[in-house]
PDB file of N, CA and C in Angstrom:
ATOM      1  N   UNK A   1     -61.839   2.262 -47.344  1.00  0.00           N
ATOM      2  CA  UNK A   1     -60.684   2.085 -46.676  1.00  0.00           C
ATOM      3  C   UNK A   1     -60.816   0.631 -47.130  1.00  0.00           C
ATOM      4  N   UNK A   2     -59.360   0.147 -47.807  1.00  0.00           N
ATOM      5  CA  UNK A   2     -59.182  -1.198 -48.111  1.00  0.00           C
ATOM      6  C   UNK A   2     -58.336  -1.873 -46.943  1.00  0.00           C
ATOM      7  N   UNK A   3     -58.845  -3.190 -46.810  1.00  0.00           N
ATOM      8  CA  UNK A   3     -58.478  -4.040 -45.900  1.00  0.00           C
ATOM      9  C   UNK A   3     -58.100  -5.222 -45.992  1.00  0.00           C
ATOM     10  N   UNK A   4     -56.769  -5.816 -46.160  1.00  0.00           N
ATOM     11  CA  UNK A   4     -56.891  -7.440 -46.617  1.00  0.00           C
ATOM     12  C   UNK A   4     -57.175  -8.437 -45.153  1.00  0.00           C
ATOM     13  N   UNK A   5     -57.508  -9.781 -45.829  1.00  0.00           N
ATOM     14  CA  UNK A   5     -57.500 -10.530 -44.517  1.00  0.00           C
ATOM     15  C   UNK A   5     -56.426 -11.468 -44.583  1.00  0.00           C
ATOM     16  N   UNK A   6     -55.800 -11.201 -43.408  1.00  0.00           N
ATOM     17  CA  UNK A   6     -54.456 -12.057 -42.826  1.00  0.00           C
ATOM     18  C   UNK A   6     -55.051 -13.545 -42.717  1.00  0.00           C
ATOM     19  N   UNK A   7     -54.305 -14.508 -43.723  1.00  0.00           N
ATOM     20  CA  UNK A   7     -54.430 -15.985 -43.401  1.00  0.00           C
ATOM     21  C   UNK A   7     -53.286 -16.631 -42.506  1.00  0.00           C
ATOM     22  N   UNK A   8     -52.213 -15.719 -42.320  1.00  0.00           N
ATOM     23  CA  UNK A   8     -50.826 -16.052 -41.578  1.00  0.00           C
ATOM     24  C   UNK A   8     -50.687 -14.798 -40.586  1.00  0.00           C
ATOM     25  N   UNK A   9     -50.463 -15.115 -39.163  1.00  0.00           N
ATOM     26  CA  UNK A   9     -49.892 -14.230 -38.490  1.00  0.00           C
ATOM     27  C   UNK A   9     -48.453 -13.402 -38.855  1.00  0.00           C
ATOM     28  N   UNK A  10     -47.886 -14.164 -39.746  1.00  0.00           N
ATOM     29  CA  UNK A  10     -46.375 -13.692 -40.125  1.00  0.00           C
ATOM     30  C   UNK A  10     -46.549 -12.626 -41.445  1.00  0.00           C
ATOM     31  N   UNK A  11     -47.569 -12.762 -41.719  1.00  0.00           N
ATOM     32  CA  UNK A  11     -47.580 -11.968 -43.438  1.00  0.00           C
ATOM     33  C   UNK A  11     -48.012 -10.563 -42.854  1.00  0.00           C
ATOM     34  N   UNK A  12     -47.546  -9.727 -43.633  1.00  0.00           N
ATOM     35  CA  UNK A  12     -47.731  -8.316 -43.443  1.00  0.00           C
ATOM     36  C   UNK A  12     -49.408  -8.048 -44.041  1.00  0.00           C
ATOM     37  N   UNK A  13     -49.976  -7.453 -43.215  1.00  0.00           N
ATOM     38  CA  UNK A  13     -51.514  -6.819 -43.207  1.00  0.00           C
ATOM     39  C   UNK A  13     -51.491  -5.724 -44.473  1.00  0.00           C
ATOM     40  N   UNK A  14     -52.735  -5.862 -45.088  1.00  0.00           N
ATOM     41  CA  UNK A  14     -52.995  -4.554 -46.067  1.00  0.00           C
ATOM     42  C   UNK A  14     -53.730  -3.670 -45.398  1.00  0.00           C
ATOM     43  N   UNK A  15     -53.584  -2.538 -45.446  1.00  0.00           N
ATOM     44  CA  UNK A  15     -54.563  -1.578 -45.077  1.00  0.00           C
ATOM     45  C   UNK A  15     -53.606  -0.730 -44.001  1.00  0.00           C
ATOM     46  N   UNK A  16     -54.595   0.208 -43.204  1.00  0.00           N
ATOM     47  CA  UNK A  16     -53.764   1.089 -42.125  1.00  0.00           C
ATOM     48  C   UNK A  16     -53.524   0.102 -41.073  1.00  0.00           C
ATOM     49  N   UNK A  17     -52.152   0.645 -40.454  1.00  0.00           N
ATOM     50  CA  UNK A  17     -51.824  -0.363 -39.487  1.00  0.00           C
ATOM     51  C   UNK A  17     -53.187  -0.518 -38.292  1.00  0.00           C
ATOM     52  N   UNK A  18     -52.533  -1.305 -37.537  1.00  0.00           N
ATOM     53  CA  UNK A  18     -53.998  -1.620 -36.320  1.00  0.00           C
ATOM     54  C   UNK A  18     -53.331  -0.965 -35.123  1.00  0.00           C
ATOM     55  N   UNK A  19     -51.944  -1.193 -34.975  1.00  0.00           N
ATOM     56  CA  UNK A  19     -51.578  -0.261 -33.727  1.00  0.00           C
ATOM     57  C   UNK A  19     -50.783   1.102 -34.097  1.00  0.00           C
ATOM     58  N   UNK A  20     -51.467   2.167 -33.275  1.00  0.00           N
ATOM     59  CA  UNK A  20     -51.143   3.365 -33.562  1.00  0.00           C
ATOM     60  C   UNK A  20     -49.771   3.879 -32.465  1.00  0.00           C
ATOM     61  N   UNK A  21     -49.460   2.975 -31.573  1.00  0.00           N
ATOM     62  CA  UNK A  21     -48.536   3.359 -30.807  1.00  0.00           C
ATOM     63  C   UNK A  21     -46.954   2.827 -31.051  1.00  0.00           C
ATOM     64  N   UNK A  22     -46.784   2.920 -32.567  1.00  0.00           N
ATOM     65  CA  UNK A  22     -45.688   2.813 -32.923  1.00  0.00           C
ATOM     66  C   UNK A  22     -44.859   3.988 -32.900  1.00  0.00           C
ATOM     67  N   UNK A  23     -43.721   4.414 -32.475  1.00  0.00           N
ATOM     68  CA  UNK A  23     -42.916   5.342 -32.782  1.00  0.00           C
ATOM     69  C   UNK A  23     -41.237   5.315 -32.863  1.00  0.00           C
ATOM     70  N   UNK A  24     -40.943   6.099 -33.759  1.00  0.00           N
ATOM     71  CA  UNK A  24     -39.403   5.559 -34.318  1.00  0.00           C
ATOM     72  C   UNK A  24     -38.438   5.868 -33.358  1.00  0.00           C
ATOM     73  N   UNK A  25     -37.406   5.373 -33.100  1.00  0.00           N
ATOM     74  CA  UNK A  25     -36.232   5.705 -32.363  1.00  0.00           C
ATOM     75  C   UNK A  25     -35.289   6.264 -33.390  1.00  0.00           C
ATOM     76  N   UNK A  26     -34.694   7.255 -32.696  1.00  0.00           N
ATOM     77  CA  UNK A  26     -33.826   8.240 -33.081  1.00  0.00           C
ATOM     78  C   UNK A  26     -32.392   7.929 -32.377  1.00  0.00           C
ATOM     79  N   UNK A  27     -31.578   7.568 -33.169  1.00  0.00           N
ATOM     80  CA  UNK A  27     -30.017   7.570 -32.594  1.00  0.00           C
ATOM     81  C   UNK A  27     -28.979   8.515 -33.207  1.00  0.00           C
ATOM     82  N   UNK A  28     -28.136   9.062 -32.470  1.00  0.00           N
ATOM     83  CA  UNK A  28     -27.005   9.750 -33.041  1.00  0.00           C
ATOM     84  C   UNK A  28     -25.846   9.036 -33.650  1.00  0.00           C
ATOM     85  N   UNK A  29     -25.798   9.187 -34.846  1.00  0.00           N
ATOM     86  CA  UNK A  29     -24.230   8.475 -35.596  1.00  0.00           C
ATOM     87  C   UNK A  29     -22.956   9.273 -35.213  1.00  0.00           C
ATOM     88  N   UNK A  30     -22.159   8.713 -34.403  1.00  0.00           N
ATOM     89  CA  UNK A  30     -20.919   9.617 -34.355  1.00  0.00           C
ATOM     90  C   UNK A  30     -20.416  10.041 -35.545  1.00  0.00           C
ATOM     91  N   UNK A  31     -19.768  11.196 -35.326  1.00  0.00           N
ATOM     92  CA  UNK A  31     -19.267  12.046 -36.470  1.00  0.00           C
ATOM     93  C   UNK A  31     -17.762  11.877 -36.526  1.00  0.00           C
ATOM     94  N   UNK A  32     -17.141  11.331 -37.464  1.00  0.00           N
ATOM     95  CA  UNK A  32     -15.690  11.442 -37.290  1.00  0.00           C
ATOM     96  C   UNK A  32     -15.057  12.608 -37.192  1.00  0.00           C
ATOM     97  N   UNK A  33     -13.673  12.745 -36.234  1.00  0.00           N
ATOM     98  CA  UNK A  33     -13.266  13.713 -36.095  1.00  0.00           C
ATOM     99  C   UNK A  33     -12.440  14.244 -37.132  1.00  0.00           C
ATOM    100  N   UNK A  34     -12.356  15.676 -37.699  1.00  0.00           N
ATOM    101  CA  UNK A  34     -11.373  16.014 -38.820  1.00  0.00           C
ATOM    102  C   UNK A  34      -9.917  15.977 -38.696  1.00  0.00           C
ATOM    103  N   UNK A  35      -9.352  15.794 -39.699  1.00  0.00           N
ATOM    104  CA  UNK A  35      -7.895  15.736 -39.664  1.00  0.00           C
ATOM    105  C   UNK A  35      -7.439  17.126 -39.529  1.00  0.00           C
ATOM    106  N   UNK A  36      -6.691  17.317 -38.333  1.00  0.00           N
ATOM    107  CA  UNK A  36      -6.140  18.777 -38.516  1.00  0.00           C
ATOM    108  C   UNK A  36      -4.473  18.835 -38.364  1.00  0.00           C
ATOM    109  N   UNK A  37      -4.333  19.624 -39.271  1.00  0.00           N
ATOM    110  CA  UNK A  37      -2.706  19.879 -39.434  1.00  0.00           C
ATOM    111  C   UNK A  37      -1.925  21.213 -38.892  1.00  0.00           C
ATOM    112  N   UNK A  38      -0.714  20.880 -38.860  1.00  0.00           N
ATOM    113  CA  UNK A  38       0.030  21.811 -38.163  1.00  0.00           C
ATOM    114  C   UNK A  38      -0.641  23.390 -38.541  1.00  0.00           C
ATOM    115  N   UNK A  39      -1.251  23.644 -39.376  1.00  0.00           N
ATOM    116  CA  UNK A  39      -1.461  25.055 -39.704  1.00  0.00           C
ATOM    117  C   UNK A  39      -2.886  25.468 -39.044  1.00  0.00           C
ATOM    118  N   UNK A  40      -3.233  24.205 -38.478  1.00  0.00           N
ATOM    119  CA  UNK A  40      -4.836  24.376 -37.424  1.00  0.00           C
ATOM    120  C   UNK A  40      -6.113  24.540 -38.220  1.00  0.00           C
ATOM    121  N   UNK A  41      -5.585  23.975 -39.817  1.00  0.00           N
ATOM    122  CA  UNK A  41      -6.916  23.804 -40.228  1.00  0.00           C
ATOM    123  C   UNK A  41      -7.011  22.524 -41.092  1.00  0.00           C
ATOM    124  N   UNK A  42      -8.504  22.056 -41.362  1.00  0.00           N
ATOM    125  CA  UNK A  42      -8.728  20.759 -41.696  1.00  0.00           C
ATOM    126  C   UNK A  42      -8.520  20.857 -43.260  1.00  0.00           C
ATOM    127  N   UNK A  43      -8.184  19.821 -43.713  1.00  0.00           N
ATOM    128  CA  UNK A  43      -7.954  19.774 -45.037  1.00  0.00           C
ATOM    129  C   UNK A  43      -8.286  18.194 -45.653  1.00  0.00           C
ATOM    130  N   UNK A  44      -8.216  17.937 -47.010  1.00  0.00           N
ATOM    131  CA  UNK A  44      -8.084  16.709 -47.624  1.00  0.00           C
ATOM    132  C   UNK A  44      -6.665  16.090 -47.567  1.00  0.00           C
ATOM    133  N   UNK A  45      -6.509  15.104 -46.939  1.00  0.00           N
ATOM    134  CA  UNK A  45      -5.280  14.199 -47.173  1.00  0.00           C
ATOM    135  C   UNK A  45      -5.024  13.938 -48.399  1.00  0.00           C
ATOM    136  N   UNK A  46      -4.039  14.754 -48.810  1.00  0.00           N
ATOM    137  CA  UNK A  46      -3.643  14.510 -50.598  1.00  0.00           C
ATOM    138  C   UNK A  46      -3.020  13.306 -50.330  1.00  0.00           C
ATOM    139  N   UNK A  47      -1.917  12.730 -50.005  1.00  0.00           N
ATOM    140  CA  UNK A  47      -1.437  11.766 -49.769  1.00  0.00           C
ATOM    141  C   UNK A  47      -2.415  10.362 -49.893  1.00  0.00           C
ATOM    142  N   UNK A  48      -3.279  10.490 -48.961  1.00  0.00           N
ATOM    143  CA  UNK A  48      -3.958   9.245 -48.917  1.00  0.00           C
ATOM    144  C   UNK A  48      -5.045   9.286 -49.826  1.00  0.00           C
ATOM    145  N   UNK A  49      -5.287  10.458 -50.667  1.00  0.00           N
ATOM    146  CA  UNK A  49      -6.507   9.982 -51.744  1.00  0.00           C
ATOM    147  C   UNK A  49      -5.636   9.860 -52.717  1.00  0.00           C
ATOM    148  N   UNK A  50      -4.341  10.136 -53.223  1.00  0.00           N
ATOM    149  CA  UNK A  50      -3.615   9.817 -54.314  1.00  0.00           C
ATOM    150  C   UNK A  50      -3.262   8.425 -54.125  1.00  0.00           C
ATOM    151  N   UNK A  51      -3.167   7.627 -52.816  1.00  0.00           N
ATOM    152  CA  UNK A  51      -2.901   6.546 -52.174  1.00  0.00           C
ATOM    153  C   UNK A  51      -4.561   5.378 -53.479  1.00  0.00           C
ATOM    154  N   UNK A  52      -5.334   5.912 -52.776  1.00  0.00           N
ATOM    155  CA  UNK A  52      -6.668   5.549 -52.944  1.00  0.00           C
ATOM    156  C   UNK A  52      -7.309   5.447 -54.442  1.00  0.00           C
ATOM    157  N   UNK A  53      -6.424   6.565 -55.300  1.00  0.00           N
ATOM    158  CA  UNK A  53      -6.507   6.813 -56.629  1.00  0.00           C
ATOM    159  C   UNK A  53      -5.746   5.705 -57.522  1.00  0.00           C
ATOM    160  N   UNK A  54      -4.555   5.568 -56.735  1.00  0.00           N
ATOM    161  CA  UNK A  54      -3.631   4.605 -57.411  1.00  0.00           C
ATOM    162  C   UNK A  54      -4.140   3.172 -57.200  1.00  0.00           C
ATOM    163  N   UNK A  55      -4.842   3.006 -56.090  1.00  0.00           N
ATOM    164  CA  UNK A  55      -5.164   1.592 -56.117  1.00  0.00           C
ATOM    165  C   UNK A  55      -6.430   1.194 -56.828  1.00  0.00           C
ATOM    166  N   UNK A  56      -7.502   2.261 -57.143  1.00  0.00           N
ATOM    167  CA  UNK A  56      -8.615   2.255 -57.992  1.00  0.00           C
ATOM    168  C   UNK A  56      -7.663   1.960 -59.383  1.00  0.00           C
ATOM    169  N   UNK A  57      -6.860   2.729 -59.941  1.00  0.00           N
ATOM    170  CA  UNK A  57      -6.345   2.434 -61.173  1.00  0.00           C
ATOM    171  C   UNK A  57      -5.863   1.043 -61.238  1.00  0.00           C
ATOM    172  N   UNK A  58      -5.106   0.704 -60.287  1.00  0.00           N
ATOM    173  CA  UNK A  58      -4.713  -0.548 -60.499  1.00  0.00           C
ATOM    174  C   UNK A  58      -5.766  -1.867 -60.726  1.00  0.00           C
ATOM    175  N   UNK A  59      -6.853  -1.775 -59.784  1.00  0.00           N
ATOM    176  CA  UNK A  59      -7.946  -2.572 -59.736  1.00  0.00           C
ATOM    177  C   UNK A  59      -8.520  -2.761 -61.140  1.00  0.00           C
ATOM    178  N   UNK A  60      -8.786  -1.322 -61.996  1.00  0.00           N
ATOM    179  CA  UNK A  60      -9.528  -1.038 -62.979  1.00  0.00           C
ATOM    180  C   UNK A  60      -8.597  -1.520 -63.970  1.00  0.00           C
ATOM    181  N   UNK A  61      -7.655  -1.647 -64.103  1.00  0.00           N
ATOM    182  CA  UNK A  61      -6.526  -2.079 -65.193  1.00  0.00           C
ATOM    183  C   UNK A  61      -6.651  -3.655 -65.116  1.00  0.00           C
ATOM    184  N   UNK A  62      -6.511  -4.033 -63.954  1.00  0.00           N
ATOM    185  CA  UNK A  62      -6.597  -5.431 -63.893  1.00  0.00           C
ATOM    186  C   UNK A  62      -7.941  -6.070 -64.324  1.00  0.00           C
ATOM    187  N   UNK A  63      -8.998  -5.576 -63.745  1.00  0.00           N
ATOM    188  CA  UNK A  63     -10.316  -6.291 -64.221  1.00  0.00           C
ATOM    189  C   UNK A  63     -10.738  -6.025 -65.790  1.00  0.00           C
ATOM    190  N   UNK A  64     -10.001  -4.576 -66.172  1.00  0.00           N
ATOM    191  CA  UNK A  64     -10.396  -4.448 -67.607  1.00  0.00           C
ATOM    192  C   UNK A  64      -9.548  -5.362 -68.243  1.00  0.00           C
ATOM    193  N   UNK A  65      -8.404  -5.928 -68.064  1.00  0.00           N
ATOM    194  CA  UNK A  65      -7.336  -6.996 -69.059  1.00  0.00           C
ATOM    195  C   UNK A  65      -8.076  -8.206 -68.739  1.00  0.00           C
ATOM    196  N   UNK A  66      -8.524  -8.771 -67.595  1.00  0.00           N
ATOM    197  CA  UNK A  66      -9.225 -10.167 -67.532  1.00  0.00           C
ATOM    198  C   UNK A  66     -10.715 -10.170 -68.343  1.00  0.00           C
ATOM    199  N   UNK A  67     -11.312  -8.980 -68.586  1.00  0.00           N
ATOM    200  CA  UNK A  67     -12.466  -8.940 -69.251  1.00  0.00           C
ATOM    201  C   UNK A  67     -12.339  -8.850 -70.687  1.00  0.00           C
ATOM    202  N   UNK A  68     -10.777  -8.246 -71.092  1.00  0.00           N
ATOM    203  CA  UNK A  68     -10.484  -8.140 -72.310  1.00  0.00           C
ATOM    204  C   UNK A  68      -9.782  -9.603 -72.715  1.00  0.00           C
ATOM    205  N   UNK A  69      -9.210 -10.227 -72.116  1.00  0.00           N
ATOM    206  CA  UNK A  69      -8.835 -11.804 -72.215  1.00  0.00           C
ATOM    207  C   UNK A  69     -10.393 -12.621 -72.253  1.00  0.00           C
ATOM    208  N   UNK A  70     -11.284 -12.672 -71.426  1.00  0.00           N
ATOM    209  CA  UNK A  70     -12.490 -13.460 -71.468  1.00  0.00           C
ATOM    210  C   UNK A  70     -12.964 -13.065 -72.949  1.00  0.00           C
ATOM    211  N   UNK A  71     -13.245 -11.938 -73.150  1.00  0.00           N
ATOM    212  CA  UNK A  71     -14.064 -11.746 -74.456  1.00  0.00           C
ATOM    213  C   UNK A  71     -13.162 -11.977 -75.802  1.00  0.00           C
ATOM    214  N   UNK A  72     -11.917 -11.893 -75.789  1.00  0.00           N
ATOM    215  CA  UNK A  72     -10.944 -12.330 -76.912  1.00  0.00           C
ATOM    216  C   UNK A  72     -11.108 -14.165 -77.162  1.00  0.00           C
ATOM    217  N   UNK A  73     -11.458 -14.471 -75.940  1.00  0.00           N
ATOM    218  CA  UNK A  73     -11.325 -15.939 -75.764  1.00  0.00           C
ATOM    219  C   UNK A  73     -12.687 -16.588 -76.379  1.00  0.00           C
ATOM    220  N   UNK A  74     -13.606 -15.701 -76.438  1.00  0.00           N
ATOM    221  CA  UNK A  74     -15.035 -16.152 -77.113  1.00  0.00           C
ATOM    222  C   UNK A  74     -15.304 -16.308 -78.387  1.00  0.00           C
ATOM    223  N   UNK A  75     -14.381 -15.346 -79.087  1.00  0.00           N
ATOM    224  CA  UNK A  75     -14.036 -15.391 -80.540  1.00  0.00           C
ATOM    225  C   UNK A  75     -13.588 -16.558 -81.056  1.00  0.00           C
TER     226      UNK A  75
END
């Protein structure tokens, strides 16, 4: 069994832990409520997804144009 020597109490020890009384804590994460439509089914909100896609495309085009101008300026 390999065990290191601690020269400072704030350092992490090498080897097996000295305390066996450490137990993890479990916490339940809140689950978001699904969106329910008039049909009573939960779906993907197509309008919101298309809006996010449009924002992503605009950002991509802006960054790609800025990168293109930057690299063209290096020549």
